[in-house]
PDB file of N, CA and C in Angstrom:
ATOM      1  N   MET A   1     103.640 110.364  66.050  1.00  0.00           N
ATOM      2  CA  MET A   1     102.583 110.388  66.998  1.00  0.00           C
ATOM      3  C   MET A   1     103.009 110.289  68.456  1.00  0.00           C
ATOM      4  N   GLU A   2     103.894 109.183  68.573  1.00  0.00           N
ATOM      5  CA  GLU A   2     104.454 108.991  70.005  1.00  0.00           C
ATOM      6  C   GLU A   2     105.277 110.010  70.663  1.00  0.00           C
ATOM      7  N   ILE A   3     106.031 110.772  69.592  1.00  0.00           N
ATOM      8  CA  ILE A   3     106.723 111.843  70.083  1.00  0.00           C
ATOM      9  C   ILE A   3     105.988 112.982  70.467  1.00  0.00           C
ATOM     10  N   ALA A   4     104.785 113.246  69.770  1.00  0.00           N
ATOM     11  CA  ALA A   4     103.917 114.314  70.278  1.00  0.00           C
ATOM     12  C   ALA A   4     103.317 114.019  71.647  1.00  0.00           C
ATOM     13  N   VAL A   5     102.995 112.773  71.860  1.00  0.00           N
ATOM     14  CA  VAL A   5     102.435 112.414  73.165  1.00  0.00           C
ATOM     15  C   VAL A   5     103.386 112.620  74.326  1.00  0.00           C
ATOM     16  N   LEU A   6     104.603 112.187  74.091  1.00  0.00           N
ATOM     17  CA  LEU A   6     105.708 112.501  75.093  1.00  0.00           C
ATOM     18  C   LEU A   6     106.051 113.820  75.305  1.00  0.00           C
ATOM     19  N   ALA A   7     105.996 114.589  74.126  1.00  0.00           N
ATOM     20  CA  ALA A   7     106.222 116.141  74.263  1.00  0.00           C
ATOM     21  C   ALA A   7     105.149 116.731  75.134  1.00  0.00           C
ATOM     22  N   ILE A   8     103.951 116.260  74.939  1.00  0.00           N
ATOM     23  CA  ILE A   8     102.773 116.866  75.725  1.00  0.00           C
ATOM     24  C   ILE A   8     102.891 116.422  77.267  1.00  0.00           C
ATOM     25  N   ILE A   9     103.279 115.241  77.344  1.00  0.00           N
ATOM     26  CA  ILE A   9     103.392 114.780  78.823  1.00  0.00           C
ATOM     27  C   ILE A   9     104.382 115.425  79.628  1.00  0.00           C
ATOM     28  N   PHE A  10     105.681 115.638  78.905  1.00  0.00           N
ATOM     29  CA  PHE A  10     106.796 116.312  79.585  1.00  0.00           C
ATOM     30  C   PHE A  10     106.462 117.871  79.682  1.00  0.00           C
ATOM     31  N   GLY A  11     105.842 118.391  78.590  1.00  0.00           N
ATOM     32  CA  GLY A  11     105.561 119.802  78.705  1.00  0.00           C
ATOM     33  C   GLY A  11     104.586 120.171  79.826  1.00  0.00           C
ATOM     34  N   SER A  12     103.570 119.314  80.031  1.00  0.00           N
ATOM     35  CA  SER A  12     102.541 119.421  81.082  1.00  0.00           C
ATOM     36  C   SER A  12     103.351 119.508  82.529  1.00  0.00           C
ATOM     37  N   ILE A  13     104.174 118.448  82.611  1.00  0.00           N
ATOM     38  CA  ILE A  13     104.865 118.326  83.902  1.00  0.00           C
ATOM     39  C   ILE A  13     105.797 119.559  84.106  1.00  0.00           C
ATOM     40  N   PHE A  14     106.564 119.914  83.098  1.00  0.00           N
ATOM     41  CA  PHE A  14     107.376 121.144  83.208  1.00  0.00           C
ATOM     42  C   PHE A  14     106.451 122.468  83.525  1.00  0.00           C
ATOM     43  N   GLY A  15     105.366 122.458  82.830  1.00  0.00           N
ATOM     44  CA  GLY A  15     104.443 123.693  83.146  1.00  0.00           C
ATOM     45  C   GLY A  15     103.797 123.625  84.490  1.00  0.00           C
ATOM     46  N   VAL A  16     103.535 122.567  85.032  1.00  0.00           N
ATOM     47  CA  VAL A  16     102.987 122.500  86.526  1.00  0.00           C
ATOM     48  C   VAL A  16     104.220 122.943  87.317  1.00  0.00           C
ATOM     49  N   PHE A  17     105.383 122.384  87.292  1.00  0.00           N
ATOM     50  CA  PHE A  17     106.485 122.709  88.275  1.00  0.00           C
ATOM     51  C   PHE A  17     106.842 124.242  87.959  1.00  0.00           C
ATOM     52  N   TYR A  18     106.799 124.724  86.837  1.00  0.00           N
ATOM     53  CA  TYR A  18     107.174 126.112  86.546  1.00  0.00           C
ATOM     54  C   TYR A  18     106.203 127.132  87.044  1.00  0.00           C
ATOM     55  N   LEU A  19     104.899 126.778  87.041  1.00  0.00           N
ATOM     56  CA  LEU A  19     103.872 127.592  87.608  1.00  0.00           C
ATOM     57  C   LEU A  19     103.925 127.643  89.156  1.00  0.00           C
ATOM     58  N   PHE A  20     104.198 126.407  89.691  1.00  0.00           N
ATOM     59  CA  PHE A  20     104.374 126.281  91.182  1.00  0.00           C
ATOM     60  C   PHE A  20     105.468 127.152  91.663  1.00  0.00           C
ATOM     61  N   PHE A  21     106.724 126.995  91.091  1.00  0.00           N
ATOM     62  CA  PHE A  21     107.883 127.754  91.570  1.00  0.00           C
ATOM     63  C   PHE A  21     107.738 129.240  91.322  1.00  0.00           C
ATOM     64  N   SER A  22     107.277 129.618  90.179  1.00  0.00           N
ATOM     65  CA  SER A  22     107.221 131.028  89.851  1.00  0.00           C
ATOM     66  C   SER A  22     106.178 131.741  90.648  1.00  0.00           C
ATOM     67  N   THR A  23     104.956 131.000  90.913  1.00  0.00           N
ATOM     68  CA  THR A  23     104.015 131.703  91.820  1.00  0.00           C
ATOM     69  C   THR A  23     104.306 131.715  93.304  1.00  0.00           C
ATOM     70  N   ARG A  24     105.223 130.651  93.732  1.00  0.00           N
ATOM     71  CA  ARG A  24     105.667 130.721  95.176  1.00  0.00           C
ATOM     72  C   ARG A  24     106.735 131.798  95.311  1.00  0.00           C
ATOM     73  N   ASN A  25     107.596 131.932  94.285  1.00  0.00           N
ATOM     74  CA  ASN A  25     108.650 133.121  94.308  1.00  0.00           C
ATOM     75  C   ASN A  25     107.907 134.427  94.335  1.00  0.00           C
ATOM     76  N   LYS A  26     106.866 134.789  93.461  1.00  0.00           N
ATOM     77  CA  LYS A  26     106.206 135.903  93.455  1.00  0.00           C
ATOM     78  C   LYS A  26     105.508 136.237  94.808  1.00  0.00           C
ATOM     79  N   GLU A  27     104.889 135.304  95.311  1.00  0.00           N
ATOM     80  CA  GLU A  27     104.219 135.406  96.755  1.00  0.00           C
ATOM     81  C   GLU A  27     105.186 135.837  97.812  1.00  0.00           C
ATOM     82  N   ARG A  28     106.378 135.237  97.751  1.00  0.00           N
ATOM     83  CA  ARG A  28     107.366 135.390  98.709  1.00  0.00           C
ATOM     84  C   ARG A  28     107.951 136.812  98.539  1.00  0.00           C
ATOM     85  N   LEU A  29     108.145 137.293  97.280  1.00  0.00           N
ATOM     86  CA  LEU A  29     108.663 138.710  97.067  1.00  0.00           C
ATOM     87  C   LEU A  29     107.581 139.714  97.422  1.00  0.00           C
ATOM     88  N   ALA A  30     106.305 139.409  97.220  1.00  0.00           N
ATOM     89  CA  ALA A  30     105.299 140.464  97.662  1.00  0.00           C
ATOM     90  C   ALA A  30     105.285 140.476  99.220  1.00  0.00           C
ATOM     91  N   LEU A  31     105.364 139.314  99.875  1.00  0.00           N
ATOM     92  CA  LEU A  31     105.357 139.453 101.373  1.00  0.00           C
ATOM     93  C   LEU A  31     106.477 140.058 101.937  1.00  0.00           C
ATOM     94  N   ILE A  32     107.693 139.977 101.194  1.00  0.00           N
ATOM     95  CA  ILE A  32     108.889 140.715 101.696  1.00  0.00           C
ATOM     96  C   ILE A  32     108.767 142.179 101.528  1.00  0.00           C
ATOM     97  N   GLU A  33     108.274 142.459 100.423  1.00  0.00           N
ATOM     98  CA  GLU A  33     108.024 143.962 100.112  1.00  0.00           C
ATOM     99  C   GLU A  33     107.105 144.640 101.125  1.00  0.00           C
ATOM    100  N   LYS A  34     106.108 143.874 101.680  1.00  0.00           N
ATOM    101  CA  LYS A  34     105.158 144.359 102.623  1.00  0.00           C
ATOM    102  C   LYS A  34     105.857 144.275 104.017  1.00  0.00           C
ATOM    103  N   GLY A  35     106.945 143.780 104.202  1.00  0.00           N
ATOM    104  CA  GLY A  35     107.644 143.766 105.470  1.00  0.00           C
ATOM    105  C   GLY A  35     107.393 142.584 106.356  1.00  0.00           C
ATOM    106  N   ALA A  36     106.918 141.471 105.702  1.00  0.00           N
ATOM    107  CA  ALA A  36     106.694 140.276 106.527  1.00  0.00           C
ATOM    108  C   ALA A  36     107.985 139.646 107.089  1.00  0.00           C
ATOM    109  N   ASP A  37     107.892 138.962 108.157  1.00  0.00           N
ATOM    110  CA  ASP A  37     109.029 138.304 108.695  1.00  0.00           C
ATOM    111  C   ASP A  37     109.374 136.974 107.821  1.00  0.00           C
ATOM    112  N   ALA A  38     110.662 136.868 107.667  1.00  0.00           N
ATOM    113  CA  ALA A  38     111.322 135.716 106.758  1.00  0.00           C
ATOM    114  C   ALA A  38     111.014 134.424 107.330  1.00  0.00           C
ATOM    115  N   SER A  39     110.783 134.286 108.719  1.00  0.00           N
ATOM    116  CA  SER A  39     110.611 133.090 109.260  1.00  0.00           C
ATOM    117  C   SER A  39     109.386 132.350 108.842  1.00  0.00           C
ATOM    118  N   ILE A  40     108.410 133.017 108.208  1.00  0.00           N
ATOM    119  CA  ILE A  40     107.284 132.160 107.643  1.00  0.00           C
ATOM    120  C   ILE A  40     107.600 131.405 106.430  1.00  0.00           C
ATOM    121  N   PHE A  41     108.737 131.553 105.824  1.00  0.00           N
ATOM    122  CA  PHE A  41     109.077 130.783 104.710  1.00  0.00           C
ATOM    123  C   PHE A  41     109.667 129.427 105.268  1.00  0.00           C
ATOM    124  N   ILE A  42     110.093 129.269 106.374  1.00  0.00           N
ATOM    125  CA  ILE A  42     110.778 128.000 106.924  1.00  0.00           C
ATOM    126  C   ILE A  42     109.620 127.132 107.329  1.00  0.00           C
ATOM    127  N   LYS A  43     109.684 125.950 106.728  1.00  0.00           N
ATOM    128  CA  LYS A  43     108.581 124.993 107.081  1.00  0.00           C
ATOM    129  C   LYS A  43     109.018 124.331 108.360  1.00  0.00           C
ATOM    130  N   GLY A  44     108.149 124.782 109.366  1.00  0.00           N
ATOM    131  CA  GLY A  44     108.551 124.139 110.788  1.00  0.00           C
ATOM    132  C   GLY A  44     108.038 122.753 110.974  1.00  0.00           C
ATOM    133  N   GLN A  45     108.930 121.764 111.259  1.00  0.00           N
ATOM    134  CA  GLN A  45     108.558 120.478 111.652  1.00  0.00           C
ATOM    135  C   GLN A  45     108.751 120.375 113.154  1.00  0.00           C
ATOM    136  N   PRO A  46     107.901 119.765 113.883  1.00  0.00           N
ATOM    137  CA  PRO A  46     108.016 119.614 115.176  1.00  0.00           C
ATOM    138  C   PRO A  46     109.464 118.952 115.539  1.00  0.00           C
ATOM    139  N   LYS A  47     109.960 119.293 116.630  1.00  0.00           N
ATOM    140  CA  LYS A  47     111.355 118.884 116.974  1.00  0.00           C
ATOM    141  C   LYS A  47     111.516 117.312 117.246  1.00  0.00           C
ATOM    142  N   ASN A  48     110.372 116.783 117.599  1.00  0.00           N
ATOM    143  CA  ASN A  48     110.305 115.420 117.972  1.00  0.00           C
ATOM    144  C   ASN A  48     109.908 114.513 116.682  1.00  0.00           C
ATOM    145  N   ALA A  49     109.726 115.119 115.561  1.00  0.00           N
ATOM    146  CA  ALA A  49     109.162 114.413 114.480  1.00  0.00           C
ATOM    147  C   ALA A  49     110.352 113.344 113.929  1.00  0.00           C
ATOM    148  N   ALA A  50     109.823 112.171 113.419  1.00  0.00           N
ATOM    149  CA  ALA A  50     110.795 111.194 113.014  1.00  0.00           C
ATOM    150  C   ALA A  50     111.289 111.524 111.678  1.00  0.00           C
ATOM    151  N   PRO A  51     112.636 111.318 111.404  1.00  0.00           N
ATOM    152  CA  PRO A  51     113.175 111.605 110.133  1.00  0.00           C
ATOM    153  C   PRO A  51     112.363 110.807 109.009  1.00  0.00           C
ATOM    154  N   PHE A  52     112.558 111.488 107.850  1.00  0.00           N
ATOM    155  CA  PHE A  52     111.798 111.044 106.552  1.00  0.00           C
ATOM    156  C   PHE A  52     112.259 109.683 106.287  1.00  0.00           C
ATOM    157  N   TRP A  53     113.532 109.340 106.264  1.00  0.00           N
ATOM    158  CA  TRP A  53     113.923 107.930 105.861  1.00  0.00           C
ATOM    159  C   TRP A  53     113.504 106.933 106.770  1.00  0.00           C
ATOM    160  N   LYS A  54     113.266 107.155 108.078  1.00  0.00           N
ATOM    161  CA  LYS A  54     112.616 106.185 108.925  1.00  0.00           C
ATOM    162  C   LYS A  54     111.160 105.870 108.554  1.00  0.00           C
ATOM    163  N   VAL A  55     110.447 106.961 108.399  1.00  0.00           N
ATOM    164  CA  VAL A  55     109.037 106.744 107.882  1.00  0.00           C
ATOM    165  C   VAL A  55     108.839 105.979 106.681  1.00  0.00           C
ATOM    166  N   LEU A  56     109.785 106.375 105.624  1.00  0.00           N
ATOM    167  CA  LEU A  56     109.777 105.715 104.417  1.00  0.00           C
ATOM    168  C   LEU A  56     110.161 104.297 104.425  1.00  0.00           C
ATOM    169  N   ILE A  57     111.169 104.024 105.230  1.00  0.00           N
ATOM    170  CA  ILE A  57     111.486 102.487 105.292  1.00  0.00           C
ATOM    171  C   ILE A  57     110.523 101.651 106.086  1.00  0.00           C
ATOM    172  N   LEU A  58     109.909 102.297 107.113  1.00  0.00           N
ATOM    173  CA  LEU A  58     108.896 101.636 107.907  1.00  0.00           C
ATOM    174  C   LEU A  58     107.643 101.314 106.970  1.00  0.00           C
ATOM    175  N   ASN A  59     107.187 102.331 106.266  1.00  0.00           N
ATOM    176  CA  ASN A  59     105.997 102.087 105.505  1.00  0.00           C
ATOM    177  C   ASN A  59     106.164 101.168 104.339  1.00  0.00           C
ATOM    178  N   LEU A  60     107.396 101.293 103.754  1.00  0.00           N
ATOM    179  CA  LEU A  60     107.726 100.430 102.555  1.00  0.00           C
ATOM    180  C   LEU A  60     107.818  99.054 103.041  1.00  0.00           C
ATOM    181  N   SER A  61     108.442  98.810 104.208  1.00  0.00           N
ATOM    182  CA  SER A  61     108.719  97.363 104.713  1.00  0.00           C
ATOM    183  C   SER A  61     107.309  96.828 104.971  1.00  0.00           C
ATOM    184  N   VAL A  62     106.456  97.494 105.779  1.00  0.00           N
ATOM    185  CA  VAL A  62     105.143  97.024 106.083  1.00  0.00           C
ATOM    186  C   VAL A  62     104.217  96.782 104.801  1.00  0.00           C
ATOM    187  N   LEU A  63     104.335  97.603 103.833  1.00  0.00           N
ATOM    188  CA  LEU A  63     103.682  97.363 102.682  1.00  0.00           C
ATOM    189  C   LEU A  63     104.147  96.080 101.965  1.00  0.00           C
ATOM    190  N   LEU A  64     105.484  95.969 101.772  1.00  0.00           N
ATOM    191  CA  LEU A  64     105.977  94.679 101.186  1.00  0.00           C
ATOM    192  C   LEU A  64     105.698  93.526 101.997  1.00  0.00           C
ATOM    193  N   MET A  65     105.596  93.553 103.369  1.00  0.00           N
ATOM    194  CA  MET A  65     105.127  92.403 104.203  1.00  0.00           C
ATOM    195  C   MET A  65     103.661  92.147 103.979  1.00  0.00           C
ATOM    196  N   GLY A  66     102.907  93.163 103.721  1.00  0.00           N
ATOM    197  CA  GLY A  66     101.417  92.967 103.336  1.00  0.00           C
ATOM    198  C   GLY A  66     101.247  92.338 102.066  1.00  0.00           C
ATOM    199  N   ILE A  67     102.005  92.680 101.189  1.00  0.00           N
ATOM    200  CA  ILE A  67     101.948  92.084  99.790  1.00  0.00           C
ATOM    201  C   ILE A  67     102.465  90.625  99.845  1.00  0.00           C
ATOM    202  N   GLY A  68     103.458  90.201 100.623  1.00  0.00           N
ATOM    203  CA  GLY A  68     103.761  88.792 100.750  1.00  0.00           C
ATOM    204  C   GLY A  68     102.730  88.022 101.431  1.00  0.00           C
ATOM    205  N   VAL A  69     102.094  88.621 102.464  1.00  0.00           N
ATOM    206  CA  VAL A  69     101.085  87.853 103.143  1.00  0.00           C
ATOM    207  C   VAL A  69      99.975  87.732 102.249  1.00  0.00           C
ATOM    208  N   GLY A  70      99.589  88.573 101.441  1.00  0.00           N
ATOM    209  CA  GLY A  70      98.521  88.578 100.449  1.00  0.00           C
ATOM    210  C   GLY A  70      98.738  87.436  99.412  1.00  0.00           C
ATOM    211  N   VAL A  71      99.937  87.384  98.959  1.00  0.00           N
ATOM    212  CA  VAL A  71     100.335  86.220  98.025  1.00  0.00           C
ATOM    213  C   VAL A  71     100.140  84.891  98.786  1.00  0.00           C
ATOM    214  N   PHE A  72     100.664  84.806  99.957  1.00  0.00           N
ATOM    215  CA  PHE A  72     100.547  83.627 100.757  1.00  0.00           C
ATOM    216  C   PHE A  72      99.184  83.167 101.010  1.00  0.00           C
ATOM    217  N   LEU A  73      98.284  84.222 101.357  1.00  0.00           N
ATOM    218  CA  LEU A  73      96.890  83.813 101.642  1.00  0.00           C
ATOM    219  C   LEU A  73      96.091  83.425 100.365  1.00  0.00           C
ATOM    220  N   ALA A  74      96.485  84.092  99.199  1.00  0.00           N
ATOM    221  CA  ALA A  74      95.983  83.841  97.942  1.00  0.00           C
ATOM    222  C   ALA A  74      96.223  82.442  97.540  1.00  0.00           C
ATOM    223  N   LEU A  75      97.471  82.037  97.756  1.00  0.00           N
ATOM    224  CA  LEU A  75      97.868  80.663  97.395  1.00  0.00           C
ATOM    225  C   LEU A  75      97.137  79.634  98.231  1.00  0.00           C
ATOM    226  N   ILE A  76      96.846  79.871  99.584  1.00  0.00           N
ATOM    227  CA  ILE A  76      96.090  79.042 100.397  1.00  0.00           C
ATOM    228  C   ILE A  76      94.666  78.854  99.871  1.00  0.00           C
ATOM    229  N   LEU A  77      94.054  80.072  99.639  1.00  0.00           N
ATOM    230  CA  LEU A  77      92.732  80.108  99.108  1.00  0.00           C
ATOM    231  C   LEU A  77      92.653  79.347  97.801  1.00  0.00           C
ATOM    232  N   ASP A  78      93.623  79.546  96.933  1.00  0.00           N
ATOM    233  CA  ASP A  78      93.554  78.982  95.584  1.00  0.00           C
ATOM    234  C   ASP A  78      93.718  77.406  95.763  1.00  0.00           C
ATOM    235  N   THR A  79      94.440  77.006  96.687  1.00  0.00           N
ATOM    236  CA  THR A  79      94.678  75.526  96.822  1.00  0.00           C
ATOM    237  C   THR A  79      93.543  74.921  97.418  1.00  0.00           C
ATOM    238  N   TYR A  80      92.956  75.365  98.563  1.00  0.00           N
ATOM    239  CA  TYR A  80      91.988  74.875  99.352  1.00  0.00           C
ATOM    240  C   TYR A  80      90.485  75.177  99.075  1.00  0.00           C
ATOM    241  N   SER A  81      90.352  75.963  98.095  1.00  0.00           N
ATOM    242  CA  SER A  81      88.942  76.371  97.877  1.00  0.00           C
ATOM    243  C   SER A  81      88.669  76.310  96.395  1.00  0.00           C
ATOM    244  N   GLY A  82      87.412  76.426  96.044  1.00  0.00           N
ATOM    245  CA  GLY A  82      87.068  76.456  94.512  1.00  0.00           C
ATOM    246  C   GLY A  82      87.042  77.756  93.967  1.00  0.00           C
ATOM    247  N   LEU A  83      87.654  78.779  94.598  1.00  0.00           N
ATOM    248  CA  LEU A  83      87.476  80.182  94.063  1.00  0.00           C
ATOM    249  C   LEU A  83      88.442  80.342  92.702  1.00  0.00           C
ATOM    250  N   ASP A  84      88.100  81.138  91.967  1.00  0.00           N
ATOM    251  CA  ASP A  84      88.749  81.448  90.822  1.00  0.00           C
ATOM    252  C   ASP A  84      90.235  82.114  91.081  1.00  0.00           C
ATOM    253  N   SER A  85      91.265  81.464  90.643  1.00  0.00           N
ATOM    254  CA  SER A  85      92.587  81.951  90.969  1.00  0.00           C
ATOM    255  C   SER A  85      92.890  83.190  90.236  1.00  0.00           C
ATOM    256  N   ASP A  86      92.287  83.567  89.067  1.00  0.00           N
ATOM    257  CA  ASP A  86      92.502  84.739  88.295  1.00  0.00           C
ATOM    258  C   ASP A  86      91.939  85.985  89.301  1.00  0.00           C
ATOM    259  N   SER A  87      91.015  85.771  90.143  1.00  0.00           N
ATOM    260  CA  SER A  87      90.411  86.933  90.810  1.00  0.00           C
ATOM    261  C   SER A  87      90.943  86.893  92.392  1.00  0.00           C
ATOM    262  N   VAL A  88      91.379  85.665  92.759  1.00  0.00           N
ATOM    263  CA  VAL A  88      91.893  85.482  94.222  1.00  0.00           C
ATOM    264  C   VAL A  88      93.174  86.298  94.446  1.00  0.00           C
ATOM    265  N   TYR A  89      94.174  86.043  93.465  1.00  0.00           N
ATOM    266  CA  TYR A  89      95.464  86.678  93.710  1.00  0.00           C
ATOM    267  C   TYR A  89      95.439  88.185  93.696  1.00  0.00           C
ATOM    268  N   PRO A  90      94.876  88.859  92.794  1.00  0.00           N
ATOM    269  CA  PRO A  90      94.874  90.330  92.823  1.00  0.00           C
ATOM    270  C   PRO A  90      93.955  90.939  94.017  1.00  0.00           C
ATOM    271  N   ALA A  91      92.940  90.201  94.343  1.00  0.00           N
ATOM    272  CA  ALA A  91      92.059  90.647  95.442  1.00  0.00           C
ATOM    273  C   ALA A  91      92.828  90.576  96.826  1.00  0.00           C
ATOM    274  N   MET A  92      93.524  89.412  97.082  1.00  0.00           N
ATOM    275  CA  MET A  92      94.255  89.310  98.322  1.00  0.00           C
ATOM    276  C   MET A  92      95.500  90.188  98.306  1.00  0.00           C
ATOM    277  N   ILE A  93      96.096  90.387  97.241  1.00  0.00           N
ATOM    278  CA  ILE A  93      97.361  91.201  97.237  1.00  0.00           C
ATOM    279  C   ILE A  93      96.906  92.656  97.534  1.00  0.00           C
ATOM    280  N   PHE A  94      95.936  93.127  96.914  1.00  0.00           N
ATOM    281  CA  PHE A  94      95.579  94.578  97.111  1.00  0.00           C
ATOM    282  C   PHE A  94      94.964  94.643  98.577  1.00  0.00           C
ATOM    283  N   LEU A  95      94.219  93.707  99.030  1.00  0.00           N
ATOM    284  CA  LEU A  95      93.592  93.736 100.438  1.00  0.00           C
ATOM    285  C   LEU A  95      94.726  93.833 101.329  1.00  0.00           C
ATOM    286  N   MET A  96      95.675  92.975 101.319  1.00  0.00           N
ATOM    287  CA  MET A  96      96.767  92.894 102.262  1.00  0.00           C
ATOM    288  C   MET A  96      97.706  94.013 102.238  1.00  0.00           C
ATOM    289  N   ALA A  97      97.895  94.635 100.907  1.00  0.00           N
ATOM    290  CA  ALA A  97      98.709  95.895 100.779  1.00  0.00           C
ATOM    291  C   ALA A  97      97.969  96.947 101.429  1.00  0.00           C
ATOM    292  N   GLY A  98      96.713  97.104 101.337  1.00  0.00           N
ATOM    293  CA  GLY A  98      95.945  98.113 101.993  1.00  0.00           C
ATOM    294  C   GLY A  98      96.023  98.025 103.434  1.00  0.00           C
ATOM    295  N   VAL A  99      95.970  96.685 103.992  1.00  0.00           N
ATOM    296  CA  VAL A  99      96.107  96.635 105.421  1.00  0.00           C
ATOM    297  C   VAL A  99      97.576  96.934 105.881  1.00  0.00           C
ATOM    298  N   GLY A 100      98.509  96.662 105.067  1.00  0.00           N
ATOM    299  CA  GLY A 100      99.912  97.014 105.317  1.00  0.00           C
ATOM    300  C   GLY A 100     100.067  98.452 105.398  1.00  0.00           C
ATOM    301  N   LEU A 101      99.485  99.220 104.475  1.00  0.00           N
ATOM    302  CA  LEU A 101      99.613 100.745 104.424  1.00  0.00           C
ATOM    303  C   LEU A 101      98.902 101.232 105.661  1.00  0.00           C
ATOM    304  N   PHE A 102      97.845 100.628 106.086  1.00  0.00           N
ATOM    305  CA  PHE A 102      97.124 101.194 107.314  1.00  0.00           C
ATOM    306  C   PHE A 102      97.910 100.956 108.556  1.00  0.00           C
ATOM    307  N   VAL A 103      98.524  99.736 108.640  1.00  0.00           N
ATOM    308  CA  VAL A 103      99.345  99.421 109.804  1.00  0.00           C
ATOM    309  C   VAL A 103     100.603 100.307 109.828  1.00  0.00           C
ATOM    310  N   GLY A 104     101.203 100.621 108.688  1.00  0.00           N
ATOM    311  CA  GLY A 104     102.324 101.543 108.611  1.00  0.00           C
ATOM    312  C   GLY A 104     102.002 102.905 108.887  1.00  0.00           C
ATOM    313  N   PHE A 105     100.861 103.392 108.686  1.00  0.00           N
ATOM    314  CA  PHE A 105     100.241 104.612 108.986  1.00  0.00           C
ATOM    315  C   PHE A 105     100.113 104.764 110.480  1.00  0.00           C
ATOM    316  N   ASN A 106      99.681 103.805 111.099  1.00  0.00           N
ATOM    317  CA  ASN A 106      99.472 103.877 112.665  1.00  0.00           C
ATOM    318  C   ASN A 106     100.747 103.733 113.206  1.00  0.00           C
ATOM    319  N   LEU A 107     101.698 102.823 112.716  1.00  0.00           N
ATOM    320  CA  LEU A 107     103.080 102.840 113.275  1.00  0.00           C
ATOM    321  C   LEU A 107     103.819 104.216 113.171  1.00  0.00           C
ATOM    322  N   THR A 108     103.612 104.840 112.101  1.00  0.00           N
ATOM    323  CA  THR A 108     104.260 106.106 111.796  1.00  0.00           C
ATOM    324  C   THR A 108     103.752 107.161 112.876  1.00  0.00           C
ATOM    325  N   LYS A 109     102.525 107.118 113.186  1.00  0.00           N
ATOM    326  CA  LYS A 109     101.876 108.084 114.154  1.00  0.00           C
ATOM    327  C   LYS A 109     102.504 107.731 115.564  1.00  0.00           C
ATOM    328  N   LYS A 110     102.694 106.394 115.941  1.00  0.00           N
ATOM    329  CA  LYS A 110     103.400 106.178 117.120  1.00  0.00           C
ATOM    330  C   LYS A 110     104.712 106.614 117.103  1.00  0.00           C
ATOM    331  N   LEU A 111     105.449 106.512 115.973  1.00  0.00           N
ATOM    332  CA  LEU A 111     106.838 106.859 115.890  1.00  0.00           C
ATOM    333  C   LEU A 111     107.031 108.336 116.046  1.00  0.00           C
ATOM    334  N   ASP A 112     106.165 109.049 115.520  1.00  0.00           N
ATOM    335  CA  ASP A 112     106.065 110.563 115.649  1.00  0.00           C
ATOM    336  C   ASP A 112     105.800 111.052 117.125  1.00  0.00           C
ATOM    337  N   LYS A 113     105.030 110.162 117.873  1.00  0.00           N
ATOM    338  CA  LYS A 113     104.717 110.510 119.247  1.00  0.00           C
ATOM    339  C   LYS A 113     105.937 110.344 120.141  1.00  0.00           C
ATOM    340  N   GLU A 114     106.778 109.321 119.765  1.00  0.00           N
ATOM    341  CA  GLU A 114     107.848 109.111 120.688  1.00  0.00           C
ATOM    342  C   GLU A 114     109.005 110.131 120.610  1.00  0.00           C
TER     343      GLU A 114
END
């Protein structure tokens, strides 16, 4: 039974990627046959865009800092309030992780503008 589930999952993933790449290839061949310029296939990034690794490291670091602050705030709330610790920890971790992602998004926008 477990093997069938794994086969279905991997088969679905393979099917999605196969359809994506085969459809993209057919579209490109059709455009080339009609005489379209090949420059439309090149994904243009602005020349001043930040490299992917900088954006990834920035967002990951801010996310992890948000999770750390969430654990710290949850510990403070658990110690100095009568709130249930089973709900305080996940709530603060998710709240601060969301704040961290939002801050990372805004920092990424600033990084792209520079």
